Amino acid sequence: MVFGITEFGRAWMTLNIMHTATREGARLAVVTDPDIARVEARVEEVLNAANISWDAITVTGPDDPDRQVTVSVTSDFVIIPGQIMKTFNGTVPLSASTTMRHESF
């Protein structure tokens, strides 16, 4: 029970940081001419600061007529007690996404 509560808290924190990273990337993309490399670098910077590994970072947009930019990140959350007690072994896929409207200049 204690392992479950602890892992749920870690997963929630990881997902929260992933949302923060996508929000940072989307904000950078909507106030500038979207430079995919800069946006991905900003997302990576936030994730690296929290020591979170990711599988993929995607940036799409801005598309006409809505001019929306979407930044997404996916990660496999490794369950730590699974490394100690094989009964709980595995990963949980997590994903976060942020969509914002591009600010035209």
PDB file of N, CA and C in Angstrom:
ATOM      1  N   MET A   1       0.820  -1.178   0.000  1.00  0.00           N
ATOM      2  CA  MET A   1       0.000   0.000   0.000  1.00  0.00           C
ATOM      3  C   MET A   1       0.878   1.262   0.000  1.00  0.00           C
ATOM      4  N   VAL A   2       1.917   1.252   0.811  1.00  0.00           N
ATOM      5  CA  VAL A   2       2.810   2.409   0.891  1.00  0.00           C
ATOM      6  C   VAL A   2       3.520   2.630  -0.450  1.00  0.00           C
ATOM      7  N   PHE A   3       3.971   1.530  -1.073  1.00  0.00           N
ATOM      8  CA  PHE A   3       4.619   1.656  -2.384  1.00  0.00           C
ATOM      9  C   PHE A   3       3.658   2.259  -3.398  1.00  0.00           C
ATOM     10  N   GLY A   4       2.408   1.827  -3.372  1.00  0.00           N
ATOM     11  CA  GLY A   4       1.410   2.342  -4.310  1.00  0.00           C
ATOM     12  C   GLY A   4       1.182   3.828  -4.133  1.00  0.00           C
ATOM     13  N   ILE A   5       1.053   4.279  -2.920  1.00  0.00           N
ATOM     14  CA  ILE A   5       0.835   5.698  -2.639  1.00  0.00           C
ATOM     15  C   ILE A   5       2.051   6.517  -3.078  1.00  0.00           C
ATOM     16  N   THR A   6       3.234   6.016  -2.767  1.00  0.00           N
ATOM     17  CA  THR A   6       4.463   6.721  -3.140  1.00  0.00           C
ATOM     18  C   THR A   6       4.612   6.812  -4.658  1.00  0.00           C
ATOM     19  N   GLU A   7       4.369   5.709  -5.349  1.00  0.00           N
ATOM     20  CA  GLU A   7       4.511   5.705  -6.806  1.00  0.00           C
ATOM     21  C   GLU A   7       3.456   6.572  -7.471  1.00  0.00           C
ATOM     22  N   PHE A   8       2.234   6.593  -6.939  1.00  0.00           N
ATOM     23  CA  PHE A   8       1.206   7.478  -7.491  1.00  0.00           C
ATOM     24  C   PHE A   8       1.647   8.930  -7.359  1.00  0.00           C
ATOM     25  N   GLY A   9       2.211   9.295  -6.219  1.00  0.00           N
ATOM     26  CA  GLY A   9       2.707  10.659  -6.014  1.00  0.00           C
ATOM     27  C   GLY A   9       3.839  11.001  -6.971  1.00  0.00           C
ATOM     28  N   ARG A  10       4.755  10.062  -7.185  1.00  0.00           N
ATOM     29  CA  ARG A  10       5.850  10.295  -8.136  1.00  0.00           C
ATOM     30  C   ARG A  10       5.336  10.435  -9.558  1.00  0.00           C
ATOM     31  N   ALA A  11       4.372   9.605  -9.925  1.00  0.00           N
ATOM     32  CA  ALA A  11       3.803   9.685 -11.279  1.00  0.00           C
ATOM     33  C   ALA A  11       3.080  11.010 -11.471  1.00  0.00           C
ATOM     34  N   TRP A  12       2.330  11.442 -10.464  1.00  0.00           N
ATOM     35  CA  TRP A  12       1.603  12.717 -10.541  1.00  0.00           C
ATOM     36  C   TRP A  12       2.594  13.872 -10.690  1.00  0.00           C
ATOM     37  N   MET A  13       3.671  13.848  -9.919  1.00  0.00           N
ATOM     38  CA  MET A  13       4.687  14.893 -10.003  1.00  0.00           C
ATOM     39  C   MET A  13       5.337  14.897 -11.388  1.00  0.00           C
ATOM     40  N   THR A  14       5.655  13.713 -11.911  1.00  0.00           N
ATOM     41  CA  THR A  14       6.267  13.605 -13.233  1.00  0.00           C
ATOM     42  C   THR A  14       5.342  14.170 -14.299  1.00  0.00           C
ATOM     43  N   LEU A  15       4.063  13.827 -14.237  1.00  0.00           N
ATOM     44  CA  LEU A  15       3.092  14.339 -15.202  1.00  0.00           C
ATOM     45  C   LEU A  15       2.958  15.859 -15.102  1.00  0.00           C
ATOM     46  N   ASN A  16       2.985  16.385 -13.892  1.00  0.00           N
ATOM     47  CA  ASN A  16       2.910  17.830 -13.684  1.00  0.00           C
ATOM     48  C   ASN A  16       4.114  18.536 -14.311  1.00  0.00           C
ATOM     49  N   ILE A  17       5.296  17.975 -14.156  1.00  0.00           N
ATOM     50  CA  ILE A  17       6.498  18.568 -14.749  1.00  0.00           C
ATOM     51  C   ILE A  17       6.448  18.470 -16.270  1.00  0.00           C
ATOM     52  N   MET A  18       5.924  17.372 -16.786  1.00  0.00           N
ATOM     53  CA  MET A  18       5.784  17.230 -18.237  1.00  0.00           C
ATOM     54  C   MET A  18       4.828  18.292 -18.790  1.00  0.00           C
ATOM     55  N   HIS A  19       3.729  18.567 -18.068  1.00  0.00           N
ATOM     56  CA  HIS A  19       2.810  19.622 -18.499  1.00  0.00           C
ATOM     57  C   HIS A  19       3.490  20.989 -18.448  1.00  0.00           C
ATOM     58  N   THR A  20       4.288  21.220 -17.423  1.00  0.00           N
ATOM     59  CA  THR A  20       5.025  22.478 -17.329  1.00  0.00           C
ATOM     60  C   THR A  20       5.986  22.626 -18.507  1.00  0.00           C
ATOM     61  N   ALA A  21       6.665  21.553 -18.857  1.00  0.00           N
ATOM     62  CA  ALA A  21       7.618  21.598 -19.974  1.00  0.00           C
ATOM     63  C   ALA A  21       6.910  21.896 -21.293  1.00  0.00           C
ATOM     64  N   THR A  22       5.749  21.268 -21.532  1.00  0.00           N
ATOM     65  CA  THR A  22       5.027  21.540 -22.777  1.00  0.00           C
ATOM     66  C   THR A  22       4.478  22.961 -22.790  1.00  0.00           C
ATOM     67  N   ARG A  23       4.064  23.461 -21.645  1.00  0.00           N
ATOM     68  CA  ARG A  23       3.570  24.837 -21.561  1.00  0.00           C
ATOM     69  C   ARG A  23       4.689  25.833 -21.855  1.00  0.00           C
ATOM     70  N   GLU A  24       5.874  25.575 -21.313  1.00  0.00           N
ATOM     71  CA  GLU A  24       7.035  26.440 -21.591  1.00  0.00           C
ATOM     72  C   GLU A  24       7.367  26.431 -23.084  1.00  0.00           C
ATOM     73  N   GLY A  25       7.369  25.244 -23.685  1.00  0.00           N
ATOM     74  CA  GLY A  25       7.668  25.135 -25.105  1.00  0.00           C
ATOM     75  C   GLY A  25       6.624  25.809 -25.971  1.00  0.00           C
ATOM     76  N   ALA A  26       5.354  25.616 -25.643  1.00  0.00           N
ATOM     77  CA  ALA A  26       4.278  26.233 -26.419  1.00  0.00           C
ATOM     78  C   ALA A  26       4.331  27.751 -26.300  1.00  0.00           C
ATOM     79  N   ARG A  27       4.617  28.252 -25.130  1.00  0.00           N
ATOM     80  CA  ARG A  27       4.693  29.708 -24.949  1.00  0.00           C
ATOM     81  C   ARG A  27       5.824  30.293 -25.790  1.00  0.00           C
ATOM     82  N   LEU A  28       6.956  29.618 -25.822  1.00  0.00           N
ATOM     83  CA  LEU A  28       8.069  30.071 -26.665  1.00  0.00           C
ATOM     84  C   LEU A  28       7.667  30.050 -28.136  1.00  0.00           C
ATOM     85  N   ALA A  29       6.938  29.025 -28.541  1.00  0.00           N
ATOM     86  CA  ALA A  29       6.541  28.901 -29.951  1.00  0.00           C
ATOM     87  C   ALA A  29       5.536  29.956 -30.373  1.00  0.00           C
ATOM     88  N   VAL A  30       4.639  30.365 -29.480  1.00  0.00           N
ATOM     89  CA  VAL A  30       3.584  31.300 -29.890  1.00  0.00           C
ATOM     90  C   VAL A  30       4.019  32.760 -29.862  1.00  0.00           C
ATOM     91  N   VAL A  31       5.085  33.084 -29.172  1.00  0.00           N
ATOM     92  CA  VAL A  31       5.527  34.482 -29.135  1.00  0.00           C
ATOM     93  C   VAL A  31       6.673  34.743 -30.104  1.00  0.00           C
ATOM     94  N   THR A  32       7.145  33.707 -30.766  1.00  0.00           N
ATOM     95  CA  THR A  32       8.211  33.847 -31.754  1.00  0.00           C
ATOM     96  C   THR A  32       7.771  33.153 -33.035  1.00  0.00           C
ATOM     97  N   ASP A  33       8.574  33.314 -34.059  1.00  0.00           N
ATOM     98  CA  ASP A  33       8.356  32.505 -35.251  1.00  0.00           C
ATOM     99  C   ASP A  33       8.778  31.099 -34.850  1.00  0.00           C
ATOM    100  N   PRO A  34       7.866  30.138 -34.824  1.00  0.00           N
ATOM    101  CA  PRO A  34       8.187  28.837 -34.220  1.00  0.00           C
ATOM    102  C   PRO A  34       9.445  28.192 -34.794  1.00  0.00           C
ATOM    103  N   ASP A  35      10.471  28.149 -33.975  1.00  0.00           N
ATOM    104  CA  ASP A  35      11.714  27.469 -34.305  1.00  0.00           C
ATOM    105  C   ASP A  35      11.677  26.142 -33.540  1.00  0.00           C
ATOM    106  N   ILE A  36      11.418  25.066 -34.270  1.00  0.00           N
ATOM    107  CA  ILE A  36      11.201  23.759 -33.651  1.00  0.00           C
ATOM    108  C   ILE A  36      12.374  23.361 -32.756  1.00  0.00           C
ATOM    109  N   ALA A  37      13.583  23.597 -33.201  1.00  0.00           N
ATOM    110  CA  ALA A  37      14.761  23.223 -32.413  1.00  0.00           C
ATOM    111  C   ALA A  37      14.802  23.977 -31.083  1.00  0.00           C
ATOM    112  N   ARG A  38      14.475  25.271 -31.087  1.00  0.00           N
ATOM    113  CA  ARG A  38      14.464  26.054 -29.841  1.00  0.00           C
ATOM    114  C   ARG A  38      13.363  25.585 -28.906  1.00  0.00           C
ATOM    115  N   VAL A  39      12.196  25.275 -29.465  1.00  0.00           N
ATOM    116  CA  VAL A  39      11.076  24.814 -28.643  1.00  0.00           C
ATOM    117  C   VAL A  39      11.428  23.475 -27.999  1.00  0.00           C
ATOM    118  N   GLU A  40      11.956  22.547 -28.789  1.00  0.00           N
ATOM    119  CA  GLU A  40      12.353  21.250 -28.242  1.00  0.00           C
ATOM    120  C   GLU A  40      13.445  21.402 -27.189  1.00  0.00           C
ATOM    121  N   ALA A  41      14.381  22.313 -27.423  1.00  0.00           N
ATOM    122  CA  ALA A  41      15.451  22.550 -26.450  1.00  0.00           C
ATOM    123  C   ALA A  41      14.899  23.076 -25.134  1.00  0.00           C
ATOM    124  N   ARG A  42      13.882  23.945 -25.208  1.00  0.00           N
ATOM    125  CA  ARG A  42      13.275  24.482 -23.985  1.00  0.00           C
ATOM    126  C   ARG A  42      12.550  23.393 -23.213  1.00  0.00           C
ATOM    127  N   VAL A  43      11.820  22.538 -23.925  1.00  0.00           N
ATOM    128  CA  VAL A  43      11.127  21.422 -23.273  1.00  0.00           C
ATOM    129  C   VAL A  43      12.146  20.488 -22.623  1.00  0.00           C
ATOM    130  N   GLU A  44      13.210  20.170 -23.352  1.00  0.00           N
ATOM    131  CA  GLU A  44      14.267  19.313 -22.815  1.00  0.00           C
ATOM    132  C   GLU A  44      14.913  19.925 -21.580  1.00  0.00           C
ATOM    133  N   GLU A  45      15.113  21.240 -21.602  1.00  0.00           N
ATOM    134  CA  GLU A  45      15.725  21.928 -20.464  1.00  0.00           C
ATOM    135  C   GLU A  45      14.894  21.739 -19.195  1.00  0.00           C
ATOM    136  N   VAL A  46      13.578  21.900 -19.309  1.00  0.00           N
ATOM    137  CA  VAL A  46      12.698  21.738 -18.143  1.00  0.00           C
ATOM    138  C   VAL A  46      12.699  20.283 -17.676  1.00  0.00           C
ATOM    139  N   LEU A  47      12.619  19.342 -18.620  1.00  0.00           N
ATOM    140  CA  LEU A  47      12.609  17.926 -18.248  1.00  0.00           C
ATOM    141  C   LEU A  47      13.936  17.494 -17.632  1.00  0.00           C
ATOM    142  N   ASN A  48      15.042  17.971 -18.194  1.00  0.00           N
ATOM    143  CA  ASN A  48      16.358  17.627 -17.644  1.00  0.00           C
ATOM    144  C   ASN A  48      16.551  18.193 -16.245  1.00  0.00           C
ATOM    145  N   ALA A  49      16.012  19.378 -15.982  1.00  0.00           N
ATOM    146  CA  ALA A  49      16.141  19.982 -14.654  1.00  0.00           C
ATOM    147  C   ALA A  49      15.474  19.115 -13.589  1.00  0.00           C
ATOM    148  N   ALA A  50      14.435  18.374 -13.988  1.00  0.00           N
ATOM    149  CA  ALA A  50      13.732  17.494 -13.052  1.00  0.00           C
ATOM    150  C   ALA A  50      14.185  16.040 -13.188  1.00  0.00           C
ATOM    151  N   ASN A  51      15.198  15.806 -14.022  1.00  0.00           N
ATOM    152  CA  ASN A  51      15.743  14.466 -14.239  1.00  0.00           C
ATOM    153  C   ASN A  51      14.682  13.486 -14.758  1.00  0.00           C
ATOM    154  N   ILE A  52      13.889  13.953 -15.722  1.00  0.00           N
ATOM    155  CA  ILE A  52      12.849  13.129 -16.339  1.00  0.00           C
ATOM    156  C   ILE A  52      13.292  12.767 -17.746  1.00  0.00           C
ATOM    157  N   SER A  53      13.283  11.471 -18.038  1.00  0.00           N
ATOM    158  CA  SER A  53      13.611  11.032 -19.392  1.00  0.00           C
ATOM    159  C   SER A  53      12.328  10.996 -20.213  1.00  0.00           C
ATOM    160  N   TRP A  54      12.452  11.230 -21.515  1.00  0.00           N
ATOM    161  CA  TRP A  54      11.282  11.279 -22.378  1.00  0.00           C
ATOM    162  C   TRP A  54      11.526  10.394 -23.589  1.00  0.00           C
ATOM    163  N   ASP A  55      10.419  10.013 -24.218  1.00  0.00           N
ATOM    164  CA  ASP A  55      10.505   9.208 -25.435  1.00  0.00           C
ATOM    165  C   ASP A  55      10.438  10.082 -26.676  1.00  0.00           C
ATOM    166  N   ALA A  56       9.516  11.048 -26.671  1.00  0.00           N
ATOM    167  CA  ALA A  56       9.336  11.886 -27.864  1.00  0.00           C
ATOM    168  C   ALA A  56       8.818  13.261 -27.476  1.00  0.00           C
ATOM    169  N   ILE A  57       9.290  14.255 -28.232  1.00  0.00           N
ATOM    170  CA  ILE A  57       8.775  15.627 -28.131  1.00  0.00           C
ATOM    171  C   ILE A  57       8.294  15.994 -29.524  1.00  0.00           C
ATOM    172  N   THR A  58       7.042  16.427 -29.633  1.00  0.00           N
ATOM    173  CA  THR A  58       6.518  16.824 -30.944  1.00  0.00           C
ATOM    174  C   THR A  58       5.994  18.246 -30.875  1.00  0.00           C
ATOM    175  N   VAL A  59       6.235  18.982 -31.950  1.00  0.00           N
ATOM    176  CA  VAL A  59       5.770  20.359 -32.083  1.00  0.00           C
ATOM    177  C   VAL A  59       5.029  20.445 -33.409  1.00  0.00           C
ATOM    178  N   THR A  60       3.776  20.879 -33.383  1.00  0.00           N
ATOM    179  CA  THR A  60       3.000  21.046 -34.610  1.00  0.00           C
ATOM    180  C   THR A  60       2.396  22.435 -34.661  1.00  0.00           C
ATOM    181  N   GLY A  61       2.243  22.950 -35.878  1.00  0.00           N
ATOM    182  CA  GLY A  61       1.614  24.255 -36.083  1.00  0.00           C
ATOM    183  C   GLY A  61       2.632  25.342 -36.287  1.00  0.00           C
ATOM    184  N   PRO A  62       2.237  26.572 -36.424  1.00  0.00           N
ATOM    185  CA  PRO A  62       0.841  27.005 -36.431  1.00  0.00           C
ATOM    186  C   PRO A  62       0.164  26.683 -37.772  1.00  0.00           C
ATOM    187  N   ASP A  63      -1.032  26.206 -37.680  1.00  0.00           N
ATOM    188  CA  ASP A  63      -1.802  25.871 -38.870  1.00  0.00           C
ATOM    189  C   ASP A  63      -2.883  26.919 -39.081  1.00  0.00           C
ATOM    190  N   ASP A  64      -3.084  27.269 -40.331  1.00  0.00           N
ATOM    191  CA  ASP A  64      -4.171  28.195 -40.657  1.00  0.00           C
ATOM    192  C   ASP A  64      -5.469  27.429 -40.652  1.00  0.00           C
ATOM    193  N   PRO A  65      -6.605  27.968 -40.357  1.00  0.00           N
ATOM    194  CA  PRO A  65      -6.854  29.350 -39.978  1.00  0.00           C
ATOM    195  C   PRO A  65      -6.745  29.596 -38.475  1.00  0.00           C
ATOM    196  N   ASP A  66      -6.671  28.524 -37.672  1.00  0.00           N
ATOM    197  CA  ASP A  66      -6.673  28.696 -36.216  1.00  0.00           C
ATOM    198  C   ASP A  66      -5.338  29.172 -35.661  1.00  0.00           C
ATOM    199  N   ARG A  67      -4.251  28.941 -36.388  1.00  0.00           N
ATOM    200  CA  ARG A  67      -2.912  29.337 -35.978  1.00  0.00           C
ATOM    201  C   ARG A  67      -2.551  28.802 -34.595  1.00  0.00           C
ATOM    202  N   GLN A  68      -2.866  27.543 -34.353  1.00  0.00           N
ATOM    203  CA  GLN A  68      -2.558  26.932 -33.063  1.00  0.00           C
ATOM    204  C   GLN A  68      -1.249  26.158 -33.122  1.00  0.00           C
ATOM    205  N   VAL A  69      -0.523  26.216 -32.019  1.00  0.00           N
ATOM    206  CA  VAL A  69       0.716  25.463 -31.857  1.00  0.00           C
ATOM    207  C   VAL A  69       0.480  24.448 -30.744  1.00  0.00           C
ATOM    208  N   THR A  70       0.856  23.204 -31.008  1.00  0.00           N
ATOM    209  CA  THR A  70       0.717  22.157 -30.008  1.00  0.00           C
ATOM    210  C   THR A  70       2.085  21.549 -29.734  1.00  0.00           C
ATOM    211  N   VAL A  71       2.420  21.450 -28.452  1.00  0.00           N
ATOM    212  CA  VAL A  71       3.666  20.821 -28.022  1.00  0.00           C
ATOM    213  C   VAL A  71       3.284  19.635 -27.147  1.00  0.00           C
ATOM    214  N   SER A  72       3.832  18.467 -27.481  1.00  0.00           N
ATOM    215  CA  SER A  72       3.521  17.242 -26.741  1.00  0.00           C
ATOM    216  C   SER A  72       4.797  16.532 -26.345  1.00  0.00           C
ATOM    217  N   VAL A  73       4.725  15.802 -25.238  1.00  0.00           N
ATOM    218  CA  VAL A  73       5.856  14.996 -24.790  1.00  0.00           C
ATOM    219  C   VAL A  73       5.302  13.676 -24.243  1.00  0.00           C
ATOM    220  N   THR A  74       6.022  12.587 -24.526  1.00  0.00           N
ATOM    221  CA  THR A  74       5.650  11.280 -23.988  1.00  0.00           C
ATOM    222  C   THR A  74       6.830  10.694 -23.228  1.00  0.00           C
ATOM    223  N   SER A  75       6.499   9.885 -22.234  1.00  0.00           N
ATOM    224  CA  SER A  75       7.522   9.283 -21.399  1.00  0.00           C
ATOM    225  C   SER A  75       7.000   7.972 -20.834  1.00  0.00           C
ATOM    226  N   ASP A  76       7.899   7.041 -20.558  1.00  0.00           N
ATOM    227  CA  ASP A  76       7.542   5.815 -19.853  1.00  0.00           C
ATOM    228  C   ASP A  76       7.987   5.960 -18.406  1.00  0.00           C
ATOM    229  N   PHE A  77       7.023   5.967 -17.499  1.00  0.00           N
ATOM    230  CA  PHE A  77       7.290   6.100 -16.074  1.00  0.00           C
ATOM    231  C   PHE A  77       7.668   4.727 -15.528  1.00  0.00           C
ATOM    232  N   VAL A  78       8.881   4.611 -14.999  1.00  0.00           N
ATOM    233  CA  VAL A  78       9.370   3.336 -14.471  1.00  0.00           C
ATOM    234  C   VAL A  78       8.954   3.214 -13.013  1.00  0.00           C
ATOM    235  N   ILE A  79       8.306   2.112 -12.708  1.00  0.00           N
ATOM    236  CA  ILE A  79       7.854   1.861 -11.336  1.00  0.00           C
ATOM    237  C   ILE A  79       9.047   1.345 -10.530  1.00  0.00           C
ATOM    238  N   ILE A  80       9.472   2.111  -9.543  1.00  0.00           N
ATOM    239  CA  ILE A  80      10.678   1.770  -8.772  1.00  0.00           C
ATOM    240  C   ILE A  80      10.517   0.491  -7.947  1.00  0.00           C
ATOM    241  N   PRO A  81       9.402   0.283  -7.228  1.00  0.00           N
ATOM    242  CA  PRO A  81       9.308  -0.974  -6.470  1.00  0.00           C
ATOM    243  C   PRO A  81       9.422  -2.212  -7.354  1.00  0.00           C
ATOM    244  N   GLY A  82       9.143  -2.079  -8.659  1.00  0.00           N
ATOM    245  CA  GLY A  82       9.287  -3.196  -9.575  1.00  0.00           C
ATOM    246  C   GLY A  82      10.726  -3.659  -9.707  1.00  0.00           C
ATOM    247  N   GLN A  83      11.661  -2.769  -9.424  1.00  0.00           N
ATOM    248  CA  GLN A  83      13.072  -3.140  -9.487  1.00  0.00           C
ATOM    249  C   GLN A  83      13.478  -3.902  -8.228  1.00  0.00           C
ATOM    250  N   ILE A  84      12.682  -3.750  -7.159  1.00  0.00           N
ATOM    251  CA  ILE A  84      12.972  -4.430  -5.893  1.00  0.00           C
ATOM    252  C   ILE A  84      12.125  -5.702  -5.780  1.00  0.00           C
ATOM    253  N   MET A  85      10.819  -5.529  -6.008  1.00  0.00           N
ATOM    254  CA  MET A  85       9.883  -6.653  -5.924  1.00  0.00           C
ATOM    255  C   MET A  85       9.313  -6.889  -7.313  1.00  0.00           C
ATOM    256  N   LYS A  86       9.657  -7.962  -7.940  1.00  0.00           N
ATOM    257  CA  LYS A  86       9.309  -8.234  -9.338  1.00  0.00           C
ATOM    258  C   LYS A  86       7.801  -8.273  -9.588  1.00  0.00           C
ATOM    259  N   THR A  87       6.992  -8.387  -8.556  1.00  0.00           N
ATOM    260  CA  THR A  87       5.536  -8.411  -8.716  1.00  0.00           C
ATOM    261  C   THR A  87       5.021  -7.123  -9.333  1.00  0.00           C
ATOM    262  N   PHE A  88       5.647  -5.994  -9.007  1.00  0.00           N
ATOM    263  CA  PHE A  88       5.196  -4.687  -9.461  1.00  0.00           C
ATOM    264  C   PHE A  88       6.033  -4.156 -10.627  1.00  0.00           C
ATOM    265  N   ASN A  89       6.688  -5.038 -11.338  1.00  0.00           N
ATOM    266  CA  ASN A  89       7.589  -4.633 -12.413  1.00  0.00           C
ATOM    267  C   ASN A  89       6.815  -4.038 -13.581  1.00  0.00           C
ATOM    268  N   GLY A  90       7.368  -2.999 -14.207  1.00  0.00           N
ATOM    269  CA  GLY A  90       6.746  -2.444 -15.399  1.00  0.00           C
ATOM    270  C   GLY A  90       6.917  -0.950 -15.525  1.00  0.00           C
ATOM    271  N   THR A  91       6.281  -0.430 -16.571  1.00  0.00           N
ATOM    272  CA  THR A  91       6.277   1.004 -16.821  1.00  0.00           C
ATOM    273  C   THR A  91       4.851   1.447 -17.100  1.00  0.00           C
ATOM    274  N   VAL A  92       4.621   2.739 -16.935  1.00  0.00           N
ATOM    275  CA  VAL A  92       3.331   3.345 -17.223  1.00  0.00           C
ATOM    276  C   VAL A  92       3.562   4.464 -18.231  1.00  0.00           C
ATOM    277  N   PRO A  93       2.897   4.419 -19.397  1.00  0.00           N
ATOM    278  CA  PRO A  93       3.091   5.493 -20.376  1.00  0.00           C
ATOM    279  C   PRO A  93       2.399   6.778 -19.919  1.00  0.00           C
ATOM    280  N   LEU A  94       3.128   7.874 -19.963  1.00  0.00           N
ATOM    281  CA  LEU A  94       2.581   9.184 -19.613  1.00  0.00           C
ATOM    282  C   LEU A  94       2.719  10.107 -20.814  1.00  0.00           C
ATOM    283  N   SER A  95       1.763  11.006 -20.980  1.00  0.00           N
ATOM    284  CA  SER A  95       1.868  12.000 -22.049  1.00  0.00           C
ATOM    285  C   SER A  95       1.253  13.309 -21.584  1.00  0.00           C
ATOM    286  N   ALA A  96       1.818  14.394 -22.076  1.00  0.00           N
ATOM    287  CA  ALA A  96       1.318  15.730 -21.761  1.00  0.00           C
ATOM    288  C   ALA A  96       1.328  16.552 -23.041  1.00  0.00           C
ATOM    289  N   SER A  97       0.378  17.462 -23.147  1.00  0.00           N
ATOM    290  CA  SER A  97       0.258  18.277 -24.350  1.00  0.00           C
ATOM    291  C   SER A  97      -0.294  19.642 -23.984  1.00  0.00           C
ATOM    292  N   THR A  98       0.177  20.660 -24.689  1.00  0.00           N
ATOM    293  CA  THR A  98      -0.320  22.020 -24.518  1.00  0.00           C
ATOM    294  C   THR A  98      -0.564  22.624 -25.892  1.00  0.00           C
ATOM    295  N   THR A  99      -1.724  23.270 -26.059  1.00  0.00           N
ATOM    296  CA  THR A  99      -2.061  23.945 -27.297  1.00  0.00           C
ATOM    297  C   THR A  99      -2.329  25.413 -26.990  1.00  0.00           C
ATOM    298  N   MET A 100      -1.684  26.277 -27.757  1.00  0.00           N
ATOM    299  CA  MET A 100      -1.887  27.732 -27.627  1.00  0.00           C
ATOM    300  C   MET A 100      -2.032  28.337 -29.006  1.00  0.00           C
ATOM    301  N   ARG A 101      -2.672  29.477 -29.054  1.00  0.00           N
ATOM    302  CA  ARG A 101      -2.860  30.202 -30.316  1.00  0.00           C
ATOM    303  C   ARG A 101      -1.633  31.058 -30.586  1.00  0.00           C
ATOM    304  N   HIS A 102      -1.093  30.955 -31.806  1.00  0.00           N
ATOM    305  CA  HIS A 102       0.078  31.732 -32.187  1.00  0.00           C
ATOM    306  C   HIS A 102      -0.266  33.200 -32.264  1.00  0.00           C
ATOM    307  N   GLU A 103       0.549  34.043 -31.660  1.00  0.00           N
ATOM    308  CA  GLU A 103       0.334  35.483 -31.672  1.00  0.00           C
ATOM    309  C   GLU A 103       0.966  36.065 -32.916  1.00  0.00           C
ATOM    310  N   SER A 104       0.137  36.548 -33.823  1.00  0.00           N
ATOM    311  CA  SER A 104       0.646  37.105 -35.082  1.00  0.00           C
ATOM    312  C   SER A 104       1.351  38.416 -34.824  1.00  0.00           C
ATOM    313  N   PHE A 105       2.353  38.667 -35.622  1.00  0.00           N
ATOM    314  CA  PHE A 105       3.126  39.900 -35.467  1.00  0.00           C
ATOM    315  C   PHE A 105       2.601  40.969 -36.362  1.00  0.00           C
TER     316      PHE A 105
END
